[in-house]
């Protein structure tokens, strides 16, 4: 059963909002687009294994997608973690097209595409680290020790996988997505130790869900972009024109003539993604390009936001 579902990545939402609100000729746009493409490919690759996981007997497998835990010194994130009464399986999904070669000498993954080579982090090193971190996390949380293993799943069906003929580790650890159910069952059957009790497995599962922490960070700081570089105003949902004009309780688009009473809500969501999770009346007026404190107050009240403070000092929580 799926105990933690896969969520659309917050980082992708932030990147999309950032691209919407940067000037067209901003010098950071190419690297932001490249980062967005890479993350979207990764997310689609992770989604691609869900169909094959559905072939597993639901009651026998506890599945956690995108679980992020605090280790001794660092957070670590696992694409998919599967718990059974015999074993914990860490799954790392790679959605890389072209031909990929696992280089065991220099510990790198080499992609060849359109006659160009590109090196990536060696997945097996990452998995070794995650196995160690998960084992340590179980101990630090006073939980039952489990056998832990890991696999790399290549989600792109057209990818050509190559490795050294005598590299048995790669042959054992790297699979295609359609082989995933059979591989999980094989790994489970390879364990001879006694099963973990069901109540212990449920205890570990509850602790995983309780200790999971979503990653949050400033996208502006990551790309070294100042808040003053962000374009203010409400964006038209039909033609992306910026800024819309406030006319008689409506947002009016001068380009396509669309009228929308609720267009400010998306703008406030983008403010939260790019700037911070709280907003004041003055900050809202500045970001939406409106001058009236009364109008800003009505818009804030209409969104039923929690707030602290009173009158001029009031700050709203963008939940």
Protein backbone atom coordinates (compact mmCIF):
# COMPACT_ATOMS: atom_id res chain seq x y z
CA UNK A 1 0.00 0.00 0.00
CA UNK A 2 1.14 3.54 -0.67
CA UNK A 3 1.64 5.30 2.67
CA UNK A 4 3.22 8.43 1.21
CA UNK A 5 2.07 9.48 -2.23
CA UNK A 6 4.22 11.26 -4.77
CA UNK A 7 3.61 15.01 -4.77
CA UNK A 8 4.34 17.50 -7.51
CA UNK A 9 7.78 18.92 -6.58
CA UNK A 10 7.80 22.31 -4.87
CA UNK A 11 11.09 23.11 -6.62
CA UNK A 12 9.41 22.81 -10.02
CA UNK A 13 6.59 25.10 -8.90
CA UNK A 14 9.16 27.67 -7.78
CA UNK A 15 11.12 27.44 -11.03
CA UNK A 16 7.94 27.91 -13.10
CA UNK A 17 6.90 30.92 -11.02
CA UNK A 18 10.39 32.40 -11.34
CA UNK A 19 10.36 32.12 -15.14
CA UNK A 20 6.99 33.88 -15.25
CA UNK A 21 8.26 36.83 -13.27
CA UNK A 22 11.67 37.53 -14.73
CA UNK A 23 12.23 40.00 -17.60
CA UNK A 24 12.50 38.13 -20.93
CA UNK A 25 16.17 39.03 -21.36
CA UNK A 26 17.25 38.21 -17.81
CA UNK A 27 20.71 36.53 -17.96
CA UNK A 28 19.72 33.71 -15.56
CA UNK A 29 16.80 32.44 -17.67
CA UNK A 30 18.82 29.83 -19.69
CA UNK A 31 20.17 28.09 -16.57
CA UNK A 32 16.73 28.20 -14.89
CA UNK A 33 15.15 26.58 -17.96
CA UNK A 34 17.87 23.90 -17.99
CA UNK A 35 17.29 23.17 -14.30
CA UNK A 36 13.51 23.00 -14.85
CA UNK A 37 13.90 20.56 -17.77
CA UNK A 38 16.16 18.30 -15.70
CA UNK A 39 13.78 18.27 -12.73
CA UNK A 40 10.70 17.68 -14.89
CA UNK A 41 12.45 14.73 -16.54
CA UNK A 42 13.30 13.36 -13.11
CA UNK A 43 9.72 13.73 -11.88
CA UNK A 44 8.27 12.07 -14.98
CA UNK A 45 10.77 9.25 -14.58
CA UNK A 46 9.65 8.70 -10.99
CA UNK A 47 6.00 8.73 -12.08
CA UNK A 48 6.78 6.10 -14.72
CA UNK A 49 7.45 3.40 -12.13
CA UNK A 50 4.08 3.79 -10.37
CA UNK A 51 2.26 1.57 -12.88
CA UNK A 52 4.70 -1.31 -12.29
CA UNK A 53 4.56 -0.94 -8.51
CA UNK A 54 0.79 -1.44 -8.74
CA UNK A 55 1.41 -5.12 -9.63
CA UNK A 56 2.75 -5.79 -6.13
CA UNK A 57 0.43 -7.34 -3.55
CA UNK A 58 -0.84 -4.24 -1.79
CA UNK A 59 -1.01 -5.61 1.76
CA UNK A 60 2.58 -6.92 1.68
CA UNK A 61 4.41 -3.75 0.67
CA UNK A 62 4.57 -0.35 2.34
CA UNK A 63 5.52 2.27 -0.24
CA UNK A 64 6.85 5.76 0.47
CA UNK A 65 7.51 8.22 -2.36
CA UNK A 66 9.90 11.17 -1.97
CA UNK A 67 10.70 10.59 1.69
CA UNK A 68 13.13 13.13 3.21
CA UNK A 69 14.67 12.46 6.61
CA UNK A 70 17.15 14.18 8.92
CA UNK A 71 20.30 12.16 9.42
CA UNK A 72 22.99 12.81 11.99
CA UNK A 73 24.43 15.77 10.09
CA UNK A 74 22.45 16.07 6.87
CA UNK A 75 19.03 15.50 5.35
CA UNK A 76 18.74 12.69 2.82
CA UNK A 77 15.97 12.07 0.29
CA UNK A 78 14.88 8.78 -1.25
CA UNK A 79 12.93 8.62 -4.54
CA UNK A 80 10.95 5.57 -3.42
CA UNK A 81 11.31 3.41 -0.32
CA UNK A 82 9.61 0.02 -0.06
CA UNK A 83 9.30 -1.82 3.24
CA UNK A 84 8.40 -5.47 3.60
CA UNK A 85 8.63 -7.81 6.57
CA UNK A 86 11.96 -9.07 5.17
CA UNK A 87 13.72 -6.07 3.63
CA UNK A 88 13.82 -2.33 2.96
CA UNK A 89 14.43 -1.44 -0.70
CA UNK A 90 15.66 1.99 -1.79
CA UNK A 91 14.79 2.83 -5.39
CA UNK A 92 16.64 5.50 -7.35
CA UNK A 93 14.98 6.37 -10.67
CA UNK A 94 16.99 7.69 -13.62
CA UNK A 95 15.28 9.18 -16.67
CA UNK A 96 18.26 9.73 -18.98
CA UNK A 97 17.92 9.27 -22.73
CA UNK A 98 20.48 8.12 -25.28
CA UNK A 99 23.16 5.60 -24.31
CA UNK A 100 24.38 5.44 -20.72
CA UNK A 101 27.56 3.75 -19.54
CA UNK A 102 28.30 2.90 -15.91
CA UNK A 103 32.01 3.58 -15.52
CA UNK A 104 33.26 1.58 -12.49
CA UNK A 105 36.82 2.97 -12.71
CA UNK A 106 36.10 6.67 -12.30
CA UNK A 107 32.70 6.13 -10.68
CA UNK A 108 30.65 8.13 -13.15
CA UNK A 109 27.58 7.66 -15.30
CA UNK A 110 28.30 8.74 -18.88
CA UNK A 111 25.49 9.72 -21.24
CA UNK A 112 26.09 9.73 -24.99
CA UNK A 113 23.46 11.56 -27.01
CA UNK A 114 23.66 13.36 -30.36
CA UNK A 115 27.41 12.57 -30.46
CA UNK A 116 27.94 14.43 -27.19
CA UNK A 117 29.11 12.92 -23.90
CA UNK A 118 27.97 14.14 -20.50
CA UNK A 119 28.98 12.85 -17.06
CA UNK A 120 26.55 12.40 -14.16
CA UNK A 121 26.94 11.43 -10.53
CA UNK A 122 27.47 7.69 -10.12
CA UNK A 123 24.12 6.36 -8.81
CA UNK A 124 25.64 3.45 -6.91
CA UNK A 125 27.69 5.77 -4.69
CA UNK A 126 24.54 7.74 -3.93
CA UNK A 127 22.67 4.53 -3.05
CA UNK A 128 25.47 3.28 -0.78
CA UNK A 129 25.27 6.57 1.10
CA UNK A 130 21.47 6.35 1.37
CA UNK A 131 21.63 2.77 2.67
CA UNK A 132 24.09 3.87 5.35
CA UNK A 133 22.00 6.92 6.25
CA UNK A 134 18.78 4.91 6.50
CA UNK A 135 20.47 2.28 8.68
CA UNK A 136 21.80 5.01 10.97
CA UNK A 137 18.37 6.72 11.04
CA UNK A 138 16.70 3.47 12.22
CA UNK A 139 19.23 3.13 15.04
CA UNK A 140 18.94 6.79 16.09
CA UNK A 141 15.14 6.47 16.26
CA UNK A 142 15.27 3.27 18.33
CA UNK A 143 13.67 1.20 15.57
CA UNK A 144 14.11 -2.40 14.54
CA UNK A 145 17.18 -3.02 12.39
CA UNK A 146 16.28 -4.09 8.85
CA UNK A 147 18.11 -5.58 5.91
CA UNK A 148 18.52 -2.70 3.46
CA UNK A 149 19.32 -2.89 -0.22
CA UNK A 150 18.95 -0.58 -3.21
CA UNK A 151 18.42 -0.58 -6.98
CA UNK A 152 18.62 1.84 -9.88
CA UNK A 153 15.61 1.87 -12.20
CA UNK A 154 16.04 3.22 -15.75
CA UNK A 155 12.62 4.63 -16.61
CA UNK A 156 13.18 5.70 -20.23
CA UNK A 157 12.31 2.73 -22.48
CA UNK A 158 14.57 3.90 -25.32
CA UNK A 159 17.71 4.24 -23.18
CA UNK A 160 20.58 1.90 -24.09
CA UNK A 161 22.33 0.64 -20.95
CA UNK A 162 25.99 -0.37 -21.12
CA UNK A 163 28.53 -1.51 -18.54
CA UNK A 164 31.70 -3.54 -18.28
CA UNK A 165 30.88 -7.23 -19.04
CA UNK A 166 32.40 -8.37 -15.75
CA UNK A 167 30.77 -5.68 -13.60
CA UNK A 168 28.39 -7.92 -11.64
CA UNK A 169 27.34 -5.12 -9.30
CA UNK A 170 25.79 -3.14 -12.16
CA UNK A 171 24.12 -6.26 -13.54
CA UNK A 172 22.59 -6.88 -10.11
CA UNK A 173 21.70 -3.28 -9.22
CA UNK A 174 20.47 -1.69 -12.46
CA UNK A 175 17.15 -2.68 -14.06
CA UNK A 176 14.52 -1.39 -16.45
CA UNK A 177 11.19 -0.24 -15.02
CA UNK A 178 9.18 -3.18 -16.42
CA UNK A 179 11.39 -5.59 -14.42
CA UNK A 180 10.72 -3.78 -11.15
CA UNK A 181 8.00 -6.05 -9.62
CA UNK A 182 9.96 -9.24 -10.35
CA UNK A 183 13.17 -7.67 -8.97
CA UNK A 184 11.48 -6.66 -5.72
CA UNK A 185 10.11 -10.18 -5.23
CA UNK A 186 13.54 -11.66 -6.04
CA UNK A 187 15.26 -9.41 -3.48
CA UNK A 188 12.70 -10.36 -0.86
CA UNK A 189 13.13 -14.09 -1.47
CA UNK A 190 16.91 -13.78 -1.19
CA UNK A 191 16.63 -12.90 2.53
CA UNK A 192 16.83 -15.90 4.85
CA UNK A 193 16.52 -14.09 8.18
CA UNK A 194 13.22 -14.19 10.15
CA UNK A 195 10.46 -11.79 9.20
CA UNK A 196 10.00 -8.54 11.11
CA UNK A 197 6.75 -8.50 13.07
CA UNK A 198 3.91 -6.57 11.46
CA UNK A 199 3.54 -4.26 14.46
CA UNK A 200 7.25 -3.36 14.20
CA UNK A 201 6.88 -2.59 10.49
CA UNK A 202 3.92 -0.34 11.25
CA UNK A 203 5.95 1.40 13.95
CA UNK A 204 8.74 2.13 11.44
CA UNK A 205 6.16 3.36 8.92
CA UNK A 206 4.56 5.75 11.41
CA UNK A 207 7.96 7.13 12.35
CA UNK A 208 8.91 7.64 8.69
CA UNK A 209 5.75 9.67 8.08
CA UNK A 210 6.19 11.66 11.26
CA UNK A 211 9.85 12.49 10.60
CA UNK A 212 9.47 13.30 6.90
CA UNK A 213 10.30 16.96 6.25
CA UNK A 214 9.53 18.79 3.01
CA UNK A 215 12.48 20.60 1.49
CA UNK A 216 11.97 24.35 1.32
CA UNK A 217 14.47 27.00 0.28
CA UNK A 218 14.73 30.40 -1.37
CA UNK A 219 14.73 29.98 -5.14
CA UNK A 220 15.98 33.57 -5.45
CA UNK A 221 18.98 32.82 -3.23
CA UNK A 222 19.74 29.64 -5.18
CA UNK A 223 20.14 31.62 -8.42
CA UNK A 224 21.46 34.76 -6.72
CA UNK A 225 18.55 36.87 -7.91
CA UNK A 226 17.49 39.96 -5.97
CA UNK A 227 13.82 40.39 -5.06
CA UNK A 228 13.87 43.75 -6.88
CA UNK A 229 14.45 41.88 -10.18
CA UNK A 230 11.07 40.14 -9.89
CA UNK A 231 8.27 41.64 -11.99
CA UNK A 232 5.30 42.84 -9.91
CA UNK A 233 1.65 42.79 -10.94
CA UNK A 234 -1.09 40.29 -11.73
CA UNK A 235 -0.55 38.06 -14.78
CA UNK A 236 -3.30 37.22 -17.27
CA UNK A 237 -4.12 33.49 -17.18
CA UNK A 238 -5.07 33.54 -20.88
CA UNK A 239 -2.22 35.37 -22.58
CA UNK A 240 0.39 35.91 -19.78
CA UNK A 241 0.16 39.69 -20.18
CA UNK A 242 1.62 41.61 -17.24
CA UNK A 243 0.33 43.66 -15.47
CA UNK A 244 -3.46 43.44 -15.36
CA UNK A 245 -5.41 46.56 -14.40
CA UNK A 246 -7.85 46.67 -11.49
CA UNK A 247 -11.21 47.99 -12.80
CA UNK A 248 -14.43 47.86 -10.73
CA UNK A 249 -13.62 44.74 -8.68
CA UNK A 250 -12.20 42.96 -11.76
CA UNK A 251 -8.75 42.36 -13.13
CA UNK A 252 -8.77 43.51 -16.75
CA UNK A 253 -6.27 42.44 -19.41
CA UNK A 254 -5.50 45.25 -21.90
CA UNK A 255 -4.18 42.71 -24.42
CA UNK A 256 -6.92 40.06 -24.68
CA UNK A 257 -9.72 41.88 -22.78
CA UNK A 258 -10.20 39.01 -20.34
CA UNK A 259 -11.83 39.92 -17.01
CA UNK A 260 -11.13 37.87 -13.89
CA UNK A 261 -12.21 38.55 -10.31
CA UNK A 262 -9.80 35.99 -8.83
CA UNK A 263 -6.60 36.60 -10.83
CA UNK A 264 -4.82 38.02 -7.76
CA UNK A 265 -4.93 34.62 -6.04
CA UNK A 266 -2.42 33.11 -8.47
CA UNK A 267 -0.20 36.18 -8.06
CA UNK A 268 -0.21 35.71 -4.28
CA UNK A 269 0.69 32.04 -4.73
CA UNK A 270 3.67 33.14 -6.82
CA UNK A 271 4.63 35.65 -4.12
CA UNK A 272 4.71 32.83 -1.58
CA UNK A 273 6.82 30.62 -3.88
CA UNK A 274 9.31 33.36 -4.70
CA UNK A 275 9.44 35.72 -1.75
CA UNK A 276 8.07 34.44 1.58
CA UNK A 277 5.07 32.70 3.20
CA UNK A 278 3.68 35.86 4.84
CA UNK A 279 2.40 39.16 3.46
CA UNK A 280 1.25 42.52 4.81
CA UNK A 281 -1.21 44.99 3.31
CA UNK A 282 1.64 47.21 2.12
CA UNK A 283 3.54 44.27 0.61
CA UNK A 284 0.41 43.11 -1.20
CA UNK A 285 -0.21 46.59 -2.67
CA UNK A 286 3.37 46.73 -3.90
CA UNK A 287 3.32 43.24 -5.43
CA UNK A 288 -0.11 43.57 -7.10
CA UNK A 289 0.46 47.17 -8.28
CA UNK A 290 -2.53 48.61 -6.44
CA UNK A 291 -2.57 51.84 -4.41
CA UNK A 292 -5.64 51.49 -2.19
CA UNK A 293 -5.11 49.96 1.29
CA UNK A 294 -8.88 49.33 1.46
CA UNK A 295 -8.87 47.26 -1.75
CA UNK A 296 -5.85 45.28 -0.56
CA UNK A 297 -7.60 44.68 2.77
CA UNK A 298 -10.75 43.39 1.05
CA UNK A 299 -8.71 41.02 -1.13
CA UNK A 300 -6.82 39.69 1.89
CA UNK A 301 -10.02 39.16 3.87
CA UNK A 302 -11.65 37.38 0.92
CA UNK A 303 -8.92 34.71 1.01
CA UNK A 304 -9.68 33.77 4.66
CA UNK A 305 -6.03 33.80 5.67
CA UNK A 306 -4.77 33.38 9.21
CA UNK A 307 -3.08 36.49 10.55
CA UNK A 308 -1.18 37.91 13.49
CA UNK A 309 -1.11 41.48 14.76
CA UNK A 310 -3.72 44.18 14.38
CA UNK A 311 -4.36 47.11 12.05
CA UNK A 312 -1.16 48.39 10.42
CA UNK A 313 0.99 45.67 11.97
CA UNK A 314 -1.15 42.79 10.67
CA UNK A 315 0.71 40.01 8.83
CA UNK A 316 -1.14 37.28 6.90
CA UNK A 317 -0.02 33.66 6.66
CA UNK A 318 -0.14 32.42 3.05
CA UNK A 319 -1.45 28.93 3.75
